[in-house]
Amino acid sequence: MTNSRARETTEAIERLYISMRHLFYRGFFKPGGVSGESIRSLLKTINPEIYGTMSIPSKVELDGLMYVLDRLPEGIEECAFIHLTSDEGFDKGSFEPIVPKKRRRNCYRIDEHQMNIEVLLGRSEIYDILTHLTFLFIEADKVRDLAFIQDENWKPTRAFKIIEEVVKGEKKFSRREKEVALIHLSSLIGRTFDETLKAYNTFGDDENPDRLFKIIYNLAKVSLEDAKQTREREIHFSAILKERVGHHYFGEKWANKVKEVLFENNLHMRPLHIISANMHSVKNMLYANDALKKKDHKEVDYKLYGEISDKKELRDKVSKYALDEGMIYINDKSGSNIDVQIIDLSKTNLKNTPFHDIKFGGDDVIMVFDYAFGEQAYEIMDELLRPYEHKGEVYMMKVKSVSIMGKAGILAGGKGDIMIPTSHIFEGTADNYPFENALKLEDFHDDELKAFEGPMITVLGTSLQNRDILSYFMNTSWKAIGLEMEGAHYQKAIQVASKIRHHITPDLFVMYAYYASDNPLETGSTLSSGGLGLTGVKPTYLITLRILEKILQSGKKEVSAKK
């Protein structure tokens, strides 16, 4: 049964992406029309774990709603018209950018009914936004059907009238009256009072305590206008966006800037180690002890890294010290949303770091760049590894290693555990990328953390996975240990550059490691249940420690060989 359901899910995911791609090139669609219904039907067939009770008509999915609204612009539930655009100069006007809480993208409220969302990261971002919007429309129509009597007049229920009273704010509610309104809200959305109260506190803040009421009210209102055809919902894709997607427009600008900075600082002919990671762990391991006047101990001080993560003043001190010591920071202006740090190891003092025992003597350079998103990973890595032309001369990138560290969904363990991939399998295709990982399972023996080694699935979207397909990948001969969104795209670019186009040496070594941000098979541990917080500190820094050890040991070996 599970295998049959997994096949059904795989087919639905493939069809969903083909449909979304078709609608993108068509230029627009109506969520309440035939195309919109088709996408909804496919999403319901998949029934992803992250969207919880989406398929239950009498229950509104609150965790999934929070997850989606954190990644979409505030106020989107009020808008009937959503336009996906490229960077088209809206910031030059008087529009205030709206940046979602959990996604670095600029959005603009054009008027009362229209929201524009800038898409800079390629197709994966488009699919991600459309999937979240489809979930939002499913929930909106569900709320509408629960809030109004479905006849020709669409008469509001008593519960909805009370919700409307709270939203309009014409009357001041006492605490008891607010609790009564919450009871009516919980009855409407099919949740217990306890669940609704918890969601009310999670969604709201001091400035906007009644946000949950407003979201539910506006979802129903916009959906009702669509059903009555007074204002039909529409999603549009701009002509500029259609023109730029897939053509490496932002990736090329980003890579050229990085190479220009390497050239300006006379680092372009040095051995280069590329690390895709966060913007703090490499910097902290190399500079934090000196910056904060801490003496290095034999054991890595994970507690210190947790404190830095928690306190802005400590983070600022480390950043200032690192820049004073020669670290170069590139604040990305290309539109790729990927900042860069460049560290010249020949100028870096390792005595007061966890690496003091490694007799490093090379002149290698480390380049750390922030996380890419899905297919964007291929674009930026492909462009970065290309030769650089300067004043008529062509320079090959002297890449010695590429390391990818990041968060992933784990299948075999729990939150905070570590995954060491041996291959990447691209979901929905026959593409697979086996490789020799310089990081091994034995590098991660630890009393507190578990580590797993094996194939990993590069998924088309983290929000599309369900229990059946994940169980299939884990329990059959695939024996997959986790899922993420960039691995196959990075590896494809590395293999093309090193083995086919010969842009870089085939002798480079690669390191991949991920720590578990969630377990999509475990109830209460999916992405919609919230982030890792300080639980993520130890696995993040343990992976960083091992990557930097291998990089520095490669420099040590070269020195020995020269002698």
Protein backbone atom coordinates (compact mmCIF):
# COMPACT_ATOMS: atom_id res chain seq x y z
CA MET A 1 0.00 0.00 0.00
CA THR A 2 2.80 2.44 0.97
CA ASN A 3 4.69 1.80 -2.29
CA SER A 4 1.49 2.37 -4.28
CA ARG A 5 0.83 5.61 -2.37
CA ALA A 6 4.48 6.67 -2.85
CA ARG A 7 4.13 6.17 -6.63
CA GLU A 8 0.90 8.19 -6.60
CA THR A 9 2.66 10.98 -4.68
CA THR A 10 5.69 10.99 -7.00
CA GLU A 11 3.44 11.27 -10.01
CA ALA A 12 1.43 14.08 -8.37
CA ILE A 13 4.63 16.01 -7.51
CA GLU A 14 5.87 15.70 -11.12
CA ARG A 15 2.49 16.81 -12.50
CA LEU A 16 2.32 19.70 -10.03
CA TYR A 17 5.68 21.07 -11.19
CA ILE A 18 4.83 20.62 -14.87
CA SER A 19 1.53 22.47 -14.27
CA MET A 20 3.25 25.28 -12.36
CA ARG A 21 5.89 25.66 -15.07
CA HIS A 22 3.19 25.79 -17.74
CA LEU A 23 1.23 28.46 -15.83
CA PHE A 24 4.42 30.48 -15.30
CA TYR A 25 5.12 30.65 -19.05
CA ARG A 26 1.44 31.30 -19.75
CA GLY A 27 1.72 34.39 -17.54
CA PHE A 28 -1.29 34.17 -15.20
CA PHE A 29 -3.99 31.94 -13.72
CA LYS A 30 -7.01 32.17 -11.45
CA PRO A 31 -6.83 30.13 -8.22
CA GLY A 32 -10.61 29.64 -8.45
CA GLY A 33 -10.46 28.63 -12.12
CA VAL A 34 -9.74 25.31 -13.84
CA SER A 35 -5.92 25.66 -13.54
CA GLY A 36 -6.11 26.68 -9.90
CA GLU A 37 -8.41 23.77 -9.10
CA SER A 38 -6.02 21.37 -10.84
CA ILE A 39 -3.09 22.54 -8.70
CA ARG A 40 -5.18 22.29 -5.54
CA SER A 41 -6.29 18.80 -6.41
CA LEU A 42 -2.66 17.70 -6.91
CA LEU A 43 -1.58 19.28 -3.60
CA LYS A 44 -4.43 17.48 -1.82
CA THR A 45 -3.35 14.19 -3.46
CA ILE A 46 0.17 14.71 -2.12
CA ASN A 47 -1.20 15.86 1.27
CA PRO A 48 2.20 17.02 2.62
CA GLU A 49 3.07 16.46 6.27
CA ILE A 50 3.94 20.13 6.70
CA TYR A 51 0.38 21.19 5.89
CA GLY A 52 -1.15 18.96 8.57
CA THR A 53 -4.97 18.97 8.46
CA MET A 54 -5.21 20.72 5.06
CA SER A 55 -7.40 17.92 3.65
CA ILE A 56 -9.91 17.98 6.52
CA PRO A 57 -12.71 20.39 5.47
CA SER A 58 -13.91 21.12 9.01
CA LYS A 59 -10.47 21.98 10.48
CA VAL A 60 -8.23 24.98 9.72
CA GLU A 61 -4.52 24.05 9.81
CA LEU A 62 -2.92 26.55 12.23
CA ASP A 63 0.75 25.40 12.30
CA GLY A 64 0.83 25.20 8.50
CA LEU A 65 -0.78 28.65 8.29
CA MET A 66 1.90 30.12 10.55
CA TYR A 67 4.66 28.41 8.54
CA VAL A 68 3.32 29.77 5.23
CA LEU A 69 2.56 33.31 6.46
CA ASP A 70 6.09 33.60 7.90
CA ARG A 71 7.35 33.07 4.33
CA LEU A 72 4.86 35.34 2.56
CA PRO A 73 4.46 39.13 2.96
CA GLU A 74 2.33 40.43 5.80
CA GLY A 75 -1.12 41.34 4.52
CA ILE A 76 -1.16 38.85 1.63
CA GLU A 77 -4.37 37.30 3.00
CA GLU A 78 -6.11 40.63 2.21
CA CYS A 79 -5.06 40.63 -1.47
CA ALA A 80 -6.98 39.18 -4.42
CA PHE A 81 -4.24 39.98 -6.96
CA ILE A 82 -0.73 38.60 -6.49
CA HIS A 83 1.99 39.51 -8.97
CA LEU A 84 5.30 37.65 -9.08
CA THR A 85 7.95 39.99 -10.51
CA SER A 86 11.70 40.27 -10.91
CA ASP A 87 13.70 43.19 -9.50
CA GLU A 88 11.92 45.85 -11.55
CA GLY A 89 12.73 49.05 -9.64
CA PHE A 90 9.80 49.20 -7.19
CA ASP A 91 12.29 50.35 -4.54
CA LYS A 92 12.82 53.54 -6.59
CA GLY A 93 9.21 54.54 -5.98
CA SER A 94 7.52 55.43 -2.71
CA PHE A 95 6.56 51.80 -1.97
CA GLU A 96 7.76 50.47 1.37
CA PRO A 97 9.28 46.99 1.00
CA ILE A 98 7.63 44.27 3.08
CA VAL A 99 10.12 41.51 3.98
CA PRO A 100 8.62 38.20 5.21
CA LYS A 101 9.84 37.02 8.60
CA LYS A 102 11.50 33.82 7.30
CA ARG A 103 12.42 34.72 3.70
CA ARG A 104 14.74 37.44 2.40
CA ARG A 105 12.60 38.78 -0.41
CA ASN A 106 11.17 42.24 -1.04
CA CYS A 107 7.41 42.48 -1.49
CA TYR A 108 5.33 45.56 -2.21
CA ARG A 109 1.70 46.35 -1.40
CA ILE A 110 0.71 48.18 -4.59
CA ASP A 111 -2.83 49.02 -3.47
CA GLU A 112 -5.61 47.65 -1.29
CA HIS A 113 -6.04 44.51 -3.41
CA GLN A 114 -2.60 43.83 -4.99
CA MET A 115 0.65 42.42 -3.58
CA ASN A 116 3.85 42.20 -5.66
CA ILE A 117 6.45 39.59 -4.66
CA GLU A 118 10.00 39.90 -6.03
CA VAL A 119 11.43 36.57 -7.18
CA LEU A 120 15.23 36.59 -7.49
CA LEU A 121 16.21 32.99 -6.73
CA GLY A 122 14.87 31.16 -9.77
CA ARG A 123 12.31 28.44 -10.42
CA SER A 124 12.53 26.80 -6.99
CA GLU A 125 11.42 30.06 -5.39
CA ILE A 126 8.48 30.34 -7.82
CA TYR A 127 7.39 26.76 -7.05
CA ASP A 128 7.82 27.42 -3.32
CA ILE A 129 5.64 30.55 -3.41
CA LEU A 130 2.96 28.91 -5.57
CA THR A 131 2.80 25.87 -3.27
CA HIS A 132 2.36 28.10 -0.21
CA LEU A 133 -0.25 30.22 -1.99
CA THR A 134 -2.18 27.11 -3.04
CA PHE A 135 -2.28 25.95 0.59
CA LEU A 136 -3.46 29.43 1.58
CA PHE A 137 -6.29 29.33 -0.99
CA ILE A 138 -7.38 25.87 0.20
CA GLU A 139 -7.55 27.14 3.80
CA ALA A 140 -9.28 30.38 2.70
CA ASP A 141 -12.03 28.48 0.88
CA LYS A 142 -12.37 26.16 3.85
CA VAL A 143 -12.84 29.16 6.21
CA ARG A 144 -15.35 30.71 3.79
CA ASP A 145 -17.42 27.52 3.72
CA LEU A 146 -17.37 27.37 7.54
CA ALA A 147 -18.12 31.10 7.98
CA PHE A 148 -21.02 31.49 5.55
CA ILE A 149 -24.20 29.57 4.84
CA GLN A 150 -23.75 28.29 1.29
CA ASP A 151 -26.82 29.58 -0.52
CA GLU A 152 -27.29 32.37 -3.05
CA ASN A 153 -27.01 35.00 -0.28
CA TRP A 154 -23.91 33.63 1.51
CA LYS A 155 -25.32 34.66 4.91
CA PRO A 156 -22.60 34.96 7.60
CA THR A 157 -22.79 32.69 10.66
CA ARG A 158 -23.06 34.16 14.16
CA ALA A 159 -19.45 33.19 14.88
CA PHE A 160 -18.21 35.09 11.81
CA LYS A 161 -20.19 38.22 12.79
CA ILE A 162 -18.43 38.20 16.19
CA ILE A 163 -15.02 37.75 14.47
CA GLU A 164 -15.87 40.70 12.20
CA GLU A 165 -16.66 42.82 15.28
CA VAL A 166 -13.20 42.11 16.75
CA VAL A 167 -11.48 42.89 13.42
CA LYS A 168 -13.30 46.19 12.85
CA GLY A 169 -12.24 47.34 16.33
CA GLU A 170 -15.19 49.70 16.78
CA LYS A 171 -15.91 48.28 20.23
CA LYS A 172 -13.39 47.78 23.04
CA PHE A 173 -13.51 44.16 24.20
CA SER A 174 -12.95 43.23 27.84
CA ARG A 175 -10.75 40.20 28.54
CA ARG A 176 -13.83 38.03 29.12
CA GLU A 177 -15.48 39.26 25.89
CA LYS A 178 -12.24 38.51 23.98
CA GLU A 179 -12.24 34.98 25.41
CA VAL A 180 -15.88 34.55 24.32
CA ALA A 181 -14.84 35.73 20.81
CA LEU A 182 -11.98 33.18 20.88
CA ILE A 183 -14.47 30.43 21.75
CA HIS A 184 -16.54 31.41 18.68
CA LEU A 185 -13.34 31.51 16.58
CA SER A 186 -12.31 28.04 17.80
CA SER A 187 -15.77 26.72 16.96
CA LEU A 188 -15.57 28.20 13.45
CA ILE A 189 -12.09 26.86 12.62
CA GLY A 190 -12.71 23.41 14.14
CA ARG A 191 -10.04 23.70 16.84
CA THR A 192 -10.14 23.40 20.63
CA PHE A 193 -10.17 26.58 22.69
CA ASP A 194 -6.70 25.66 23.98
CA GLU A 195 -5.29 25.32 20.42
CA THR A 196 -6.95 28.57 19.33
CA LEU A 197 -5.66 30.51 22.36
CA LYS A 198 -2.13 29.21 21.73
CA ALA A 199 -2.38 30.23 18.05
CA TYR A 200 -3.80 33.65 19.05
CA ASN A 201 -0.71 34.29 21.21
CA THR A 202 1.69 32.91 18.56
CA PHE A 203 0.26 34.94 15.67
CA GLY A 204 -0.23 38.15 17.63
CA ASP A 205 2.18 40.62 19.20
CA ASP A 206 1.91 43.84 21.24
CA GLU A 207 1.32 45.94 18.12
CA ASN A 208 -1.19 43.56 16.53
CA PRO A 209 -2.64 41.25 19.21
CA ASP A 210 -5.73 40.31 17.15
CA ARG A 211 -3.78 39.21 14.07
CA LEU A 212 -5.29 35.69 14.08
CA PHE A 213 -8.82 37.13 13.95
CA LYS A 214 -7.80 39.42 11.06
CA ILE A 215 -6.16 36.60 9.09
CA ILE A 216 -9.20 34.31 9.39
CA TYR A 217 -11.57 37.19 8.58
CA ASN A 218 -9.63 38.34 5.49
CA LEU A 219 -9.08 34.82 4.15
CA ALA A 220 -12.86 34.27 4.24
CA LYS A 221 -13.67 37.75 2.85
CA VAL A 222 -11.34 37.53 -0.20
CA SER A 223 -12.47 33.96 -0.88
CA LEU A 224 -16.14 35.00 -0.70
CA GLU A 225 -15.58 37.85 -3.19
CA ASP A 226 -14.00 35.30 -5.55
CA ALA A 227 -16.92 32.86 -5.13
CA LYS A 228 -19.45 35.65 -5.79
CA GLN A 229 -17.26 36.84 -8.71
CA THR A 230 -17.21 40.39 -7.39
CA ARG A 231 -13.41 40.29 -7.33
CA GLU A 232 -11.82 37.08 -8.63
CA ARG A 233 -8.38 36.14 -7.30
CA GLU A 234 -5.58 36.16 -9.86
CA ILE A 235 -1.86 35.33 -9.91
CA HIS A 236 0.31 37.04 -12.53
CA PHE A 237 3.95 36.57 -13.61
CA SER A 238 5.65 39.65 -15.04
CA ALA A 239 7.21 39.64 -18.52
CA ILE A 240 10.62 40.61 -17.04
CA LEU A 241 10.49 37.66 -14.62
CA LYS A 242 9.67 35.24 -17.45
CA GLU A 243 12.56 36.67 -19.46
CA ARG A 244 15.15 36.34 -16.66
CA VAL A 245 14.34 32.98 -15.05
CA GLY A 246 16.74 30.23 -16.13
CA HIS A 247 19.25 32.64 -17.71
CA HIS A 248 21.59 33.08 -14.69
CA TYR A 249 20.89 36.83 -14.73
CA PHE A 250 21.58 37.38 -11.01
CA GLY A 251 24.05 34.48 -10.59
CA GLU A 252 26.42 35.87 -13.22
CA LYS A 253 26.41 39.33 -11.59
CA TRP A 254 27.05 37.74 -8.20
CA ALA A 255 29.94 35.52 -9.38
CA ASN A 256 31.61 38.35 -11.32
CA LYS A 257 31.61 40.55 -8.20
CA VAL A 258 33.21 37.78 -6.12
CA LYS A 259 35.93 37.23 -8.74
CA GLU A 260 36.51 40.98 -9.04
CA VAL A 261 37.10 41.20 -5.26
CA LEU A 262 39.50 38.22 -5.35
CA PHE A 263 41.39 39.90 -8.20
CA GLU A 264 41.52 43.33 -6.50
CA ASN A 265 43.03 41.73 -3.39
CA ASN A 266 45.51 39.66 -5.42
CA LEU A 267 43.93 36.40 -4.22
CA HIS A 268 42.81 35.08 -7.61
CA MET A 269 45.87 32.81 -8.12
CA ARG A 270 45.76 31.28 -4.62
CA PRO A 271 44.30 27.83 -3.76
CA LEU A 272 40.61 28.42 -3.04
CA HIS A 273 38.30 26.55 -0.67
CA ILE A 274 34.62 27.28 -1.30
CA ILE A 275 32.17 26.75 1.57
CA SER A 276 28.40 27.15 1.26
CA ALA A 277 27.24 27.70 4.83
CA ASN A 278 25.84 30.23 7.28
CA MET A 279 27.58 33.57 7.82
CA HIS A 280 28.75 32.95 11.38
CA SER A 281 30.27 29.54 12.17
CA VAL A 282 33.53 29.75 10.12
CA LYS A 283 34.09 33.35 11.24
CA ASN A 284 33.45 32.51 14.91
CA MET A 285 35.73 29.47 14.93
CA LEU A 286 38.62 31.44 13.44
CA TYR A 287 38.20 34.78 15.23
CA ALA A 288 35.87 34.59 18.28
CA ASN A 289 38.42 33.56 20.93
CA ASP A 290 40.73 36.48 20.16
CA ALA A 291 37.85 38.92 19.57
CA LEU A 292 36.28 38.12 22.95
CA LYS A 293 39.65 37.58 24.72
CA LYS A 294 38.93 33.92 25.51
CA LYS A 295 41.72 31.39 25.76
CA ASP A 296 41.27 28.29 23.61
CA HIS A 297 40.71 25.05 25.51
CA LYS A 298 41.39 21.55 24.28
CA GLU A 299 37.65 21.06 23.91
CA VAL A 300 35.67 23.20 21.45
CA ASP A 301 33.67 25.77 23.44
CA TYR A 302 30.15 25.19 22.10
CA LYS A 303 28.75 27.18 25.02
CA LEU A 304 30.61 30.27 23.80
CA TYR A 305 29.20 29.85 20.28
CA GLY A 306 25.71 29.55 21.78
CA GLU A 307 26.25 32.83 23.68
CA ILE A 308 27.42 34.56 20.49
CA SER A 309 24.36 33.25 18.67
CA ASP A 310 22.16 34.67 21.44
CA LYS A 311 23.77 38.12 21.92
CA LYS A 312 24.04 40.76 19.21
CA GLU A 313 26.80 42.70 20.99
CA LEU A 314 29.05 39.60 20.93
CA ARG A 315 28.28 38.98 17.25
CA ASP A 316 29.15 42.60 16.43
CA LYS A 317 32.46 42.35 18.35
CA VAL A 318 33.51 39.21 16.45
CA SER A 319 32.52 40.71 13.09
CA LYS A 320 34.47 43.94 13.75
CA TYR A 321 37.54 41.99 14.89
CA ALA A 322 37.39 39.68 11.84
CA LEU A 323 37.21 42.65 9.45
CA ASP A 324 40.10 44.38 11.28
CA GLU A 325 42.12 41.17 10.87
CA GLY A 326 41.63 41.11 7.10
CA MET A 327 38.41 39.18 6.50
CA ILE A 328 36.67 40.64 3.42
CA TYR A 329 32.89 40.88 3.50
CA ILE A 330 30.83 41.25 0.32
CA ASN A 331 27.33 42.54 1.03
CA ASP A 332 25.53 41.16 -2.02
CA LYS A 333 23.90 43.77 -4.25
CA SER A 334 23.42 41.51 -7.30
CA GLY A 335 19.91 40.40 -6.37
CA SER A 336 21.02 36.83 -5.56
CA ASN A 337 20.67 37.46 -1.80
CA ILE A 338 23.95 35.63 -1.11
CA ASP A 339 26.53 37.45 1.02
CA VAL A 340 30.20 36.37 0.94
CA GLN A 341 33.17 36.27 3.33
CA ILE A 342 36.74 35.89 2.05
CA ILE A 343 39.45 34.80 4.50
CA ASP A 344 43.17 34.79 3.62
CA LEU A 345 44.57 31.94 5.73
CA SER A 346 48.15 33.22 5.36
CA LYS A 347 47.08 36.25 7.45
CA THR A 348 44.97 34.30 9.95
CA ASN A 349 46.44 33.53 13.38
CA LEU A 350 45.36 29.99 14.34
CA LYS A 351 47.15 29.88 17.73
CA ASN A 352 44.07 30.72 19.79
CA THR A 353 41.61 28.61 17.78
CA PRO A 354 40.51 24.96 17.89
CA PHE A 355 43.07 24.38 15.08
CA HIS A 356 46.25 25.39 16.96
CA ASP A 357 47.67 21.85 16.71
CA ILE A 358 47.52 21.79 12.90
CA LYS A 359 50.82 23.05 11.50
CA PHE A 360 49.22 24.88 8.61
CA GLY A 361 51.65 26.72 6.34
CA GLY A 362 49.81 27.33 3.07
CA ASP A 363 48.54 30.52 1.46
CA ASP A 364 45.06 29.12 0.81
CA VAL A 365 41.95 31.30 0.73
CA ILE A 366 38.55 30.38 2.18
CA MET A 367 35.43 31.79 0.57
CA VAL A 368 32.22 31.32 2.58
CA PHE A 369 28.93 32.14 0.90
CA ASP A 370 25.42 32.17 2.33
CA TYR A 371 22.78 29.52 1.54
CA ALA A 372 21.35 29.25 -1.96
CA PHE A 373 17.76 28.18 -2.58
CA GLY A 374 16.94 25.07 -4.63
CA GLU A 375 17.83 25.38 -8.33
CA GLN A 376 19.62 28.66 -7.60
CA ALA A 377 22.47 26.49 -6.22
CA TYR A 378 23.31 25.28 -9.74
CA GLU A 379 23.22 28.80 -11.14
CA ILE A 380 25.57 30.37 -8.62
CA MET A 381 28.02 27.43 -8.45
CA ASP A 382 28.13 27.09 -12.25
CA GLU A 383 28.88 30.81 -12.62
CA LEU A 384 31.40 30.85 -9.76
CA LEU A 385 33.48 27.98 -11.20
CA ARG A 386 33.72 29.52 -14.70
CA PRO A 387 37.04 31.13 -15.75
CA TYR A 388 37.32 34.87 -15.05
CA GLU A 389 38.28 37.32 -17.77
CA HIS A 390 40.18 40.47 -16.77
CA LYS A 391 41.76 42.95 -19.22
CA GLY A 392 41.88 40.35 -21.97
CA GLU A 393 43.49 37.67 -19.77
CA VAL A 394 41.51 34.55 -18.78
CA TYR A 395 42.09 33.15 -15.28
CA MET A 396 40.97 29.68 -14.19
CA MET A 397 39.54 29.39 -10.67
CA LYS A 398 42.12 27.60 -8.46
CA VAL A 399 39.50 25.60 -6.57
CA LYS A 400 41.00 23.06 -4.19
CA SER A 401 37.82 22.03 -2.34
CA VAL A 402 34.08 22.69 -2.23
CA SER A 403 32.13 22.17 1.00
CA ILE A 404 28.38 22.28 1.44
CA MET A 405 26.91 22.42 4.92
CA GLY A 406 23.32 23.18 5.78
CA LYS A 407 20.03 22.17 7.31
CA ALA A 408 18.03 19.19 6.05
CA GLY A 409 15.11 17.01 6.99
CA ILE A 410 16.26 13.76 8.56
CA LEU A 411 14.54 10.39 8.10
CA ALA A 412 16.71 8.12 10.24
CA GLY A 413 17.17 10.25 13.39
CA GLY A 414 15.93 13.36 15.18
CA LYS A 415 16.35 17.15 15.26
CA GLY A 416 19.99 18.20 15.65
CA ASP A 417 21.51 14.95 14.33
CA ILE A 418 24.03 14.96 11.47
CA MET A 419 23.76 13.52 7.94
CA ILE A 420 26.75 12.64 5.75
CA PRO A 421 25.59 12.03 2.16
CA THR A 422 27.28 9.53 -0.14
CA SER A 423 25.10 10.53 -3.12
CA HIS A 424 22.29 12.88 -4.08
CA ILE A 425 19.17 11.53 -5.77
CA PHE A 426 17.08 14.14 -7.55
CA GLU A 427 13.41 13.60 -6.72
CA GLY A 428 11.01 13.05 -9.62
CA THR A 429 13.82 12.26 -12.13
CA ALA A 430 16.26 9.46 -12.88
CA ASP A 431 19.17 11.83 -12.08
CA ASN A 432 21.58 10.68 -9.37
CA TYR A 433 24.95 12.01 -8.27
CA PRO A 434 27.26 9.60 -6.40
CA PHE A 435 30.49 11.22 -5.16
CA GLU A 436 33.41 10.67 -2.82
CA ASN A 437 32.68 12.66 0.34
CA ALA A 438 35.86 13.71 2.18
CA LEU A 439 33.76 13.79 5.37
CA LYS A 440 33.13 10.35 6.85
CA LEU A 441 30.85 8.91 9.51
CA GLU A 442 33.83 8.36 11.85
CA ASP A 443 34.49 12.13 11.82
CA PHE A 444 31.29 12.64 13.83
CA HIS A 445 31.49 10.29 16.81
CA ASP A 446 29.91 12.27 19.65
CA ASP A 447 28.17 11.45 22.94
CA GLU A 448 25.28 13.87 22.39
CA LEU A 449 24.69 13.73 18.65
CA LYS A 450 23.98 10.87 16.29
CA ALA A 451 25.35 10.81 12.74
CA PHE A 452 24.07 8.90 9.70
CA GLU A 453 25.70 8.15 6.34
CA GLY A 454 23.96 7.29 3.07
CA PRO A 455 22.09 8.67 0.04
CA MET A 456 20.10 11.89 0.36
CA ILE A 457 17.13 13.07 -1.69
CA THR A 458 17.29 16.49 -3.31
CA VAL A 459 13.62 17.41 -3.35
CA LEU A 460 11.77 19.81 -5.63
CA GLY A 461 10.26 21.46 -2.53
CA THR A 462 10.43 20.66 1.18
CA SER A 463 6.75 21.52 1.58
CA LEU A 464 5.62 18.73 -0.76
CA GLN A 465 6.75 15.62 1.08
CA ASN A 466 4.35 13.19 2.73
CA ARG A 467 4.82 10.21 5.04
CA ASP A 468 4.36 7.60 2.28
CA ILE A 469 7.02 8.88 -0.10
CA LEU A 470 9.49 9.55 2.73
CA SER A 471 8.93 6.07 4.21
CA TYR A 472 9.46 4.60 0.73
CA PHE A 473 12.81 6.36 0.31
CA MET A 474 13.92 5.37 3.82
CA ASN A 475 12.75 1.75 4.03
CA THR A 476 13.36 0.41 0.51
CA SER A 477 16.78 -0.26 -1.03
CA TRP A 478 17.22 3.52 -1.55
CA LYS A 479 17.96 3.66 2.22
CA ALA A 480 17.86 7.47 2.14
CA ILE A 481 18.88 9.24 5.33
CA GLY A 482 17.40 12.69 4.64
CA LEU A 483 16.12 15.30 2.23
CA GLU A 484 17.26 18.79 1.23
CA MET A 485 16.91 21.11 -1.76
CA GLU A 486 20.37 22.01 -3.13
CA GLY A 487 22.76 19.02 -3.07
CA ALA A 488 22.13 17.59 -6.56
CA HIS A 489 22.21 21.10 -8.07
CA TYR A 490 25.60 21.87 -6.48
CA GLN A 491 27.04 18.49 -7.44
CA LYS A 492 25.83 18.84 -11.03
CA ALA A 493 27.67 22.18 -11.34
CA ILE A 494 30.84 20.78 -9.70
CA GLN A 495 30.90 17.72 -11.99
CA VAL A 496 30.27 19.80 -15.11
CA ALA A 497 33.08 22.22 -14.19
CA SER A 498 35.64 19.60 -13.10
CA LYS A 499 34.95 16.58 -15.36
CA ILE A 500 33.40 17.94 -18.56
CA ARG A 501 34.22 21.60 -19.19
CA HIS A 502 37.55 21.46 -17.26
CA HIS A 503 37.05 24.88 -15.73
CA ILE A 504 38.58 23.63 -12.47
CA THR A 505 40.91 20.79 -11.52
CA PRO A 506 39.35 17.30 -11.31
CA ASP A 507 41.53 16.70 -8.21
CA LEU A 508 39.45 18.89 -5.89
CA PHE A 509 37.86 17.27 -2.83
CA VAL A 510 34.23 17.81 -1.82
CA MET A 511 32.63 17.78 1.62
CA TYR A 512 28.90 17.60 2.28
CA ALA A 513 27.27 17.50 5.72
CA TYR A 514 23.86 18.55 7.01
CA TYR A 515 22.29 18.85 10.44
CA ALA A 516 18.65 17.97 10.99
CA SER A 517 16.31 20.94 11.27
CA ASP A 518 13.31 18.61 11.41
CA ASN A 519 12.09 15.06 11.04
CA PRO A 520 9.19 15.17 8.56
CA LEU A 521 8.13 11.63 9.58
CA GLU A 522 7.81 12.51 13.26
CA THR A 523 4.62 14.19 14.49
CA GLY A 524 5.47 17.55 16.10
CA SER A 525 8.92 17.66 14.49
CA THR A 526 8.09 18.88 10.98
CA LEU A 527 9.30 22.28 9.78
CA SER A 528 5.98 23.87 10.72
CA SER A 529 6.63 22.99 14.39
CA GLY A 530 9.32 25.70 14.60
CA GLY A 531 13.08 26.08 14.36
CA LEU A 532 15.94 24.44 16.22
CA GLY A 533 17.00 27.44 18.32
CA LEU A 534 20.21 26.79 20.28
CA THR A 535 19.87 23.01 19.67
CA GLY A 536 21.40 23.71 16.25
CA VAL A 537 24.59 25.25 17.70
CA LYS A 538 26.52 22.04 18.41
CA PRO A 539 25.86 20.23 15.09
CA THR A 540 26.55 23.45 13.14
CA TYR A 541 29.91 23.99 14.81
CA LEU A 542 30.89 20.30 14.81
CA ILE A 543 30.41 20.22 11.01
CA THR A 544 32.30 23.52 10.65
CA LEU A 545 35.12 22.14 12.82
CA ARG A 546 35.53 19.06 10.60
CA ILE A 547 35.39 21.06 7.35
CA LEU A 548 38.05 23.53 8.55
CA GLU A 549 40.25 20.68 9.89
CA LYS A 550 40.26 18.99 6.45
CA ILE A 551 41.00 22.28 4.69
CA LEU A 552 43.89 23.15 7.04
CA GLN A 553 45.28 19.58 6.95
CA SER A 554 45.37 19.77 3.15
CA GLY A 555 47.63 22.84 3.52
CA LYS A 556 49.77 21.03 6.09
CA LYS A 557 50.36 18.08 3.72
CA GLU A 558 51.47 20.40 0.94
CA VAL A 559 54.05 22.04 3.23
CA SER A 560 55.40 18.62 4.25
CA ALA A 561 55.64 17.56 0.60
CA LYS A 562 57.58 20.72 -0.32
CA LYS A 563 60.08 20.04 2.44
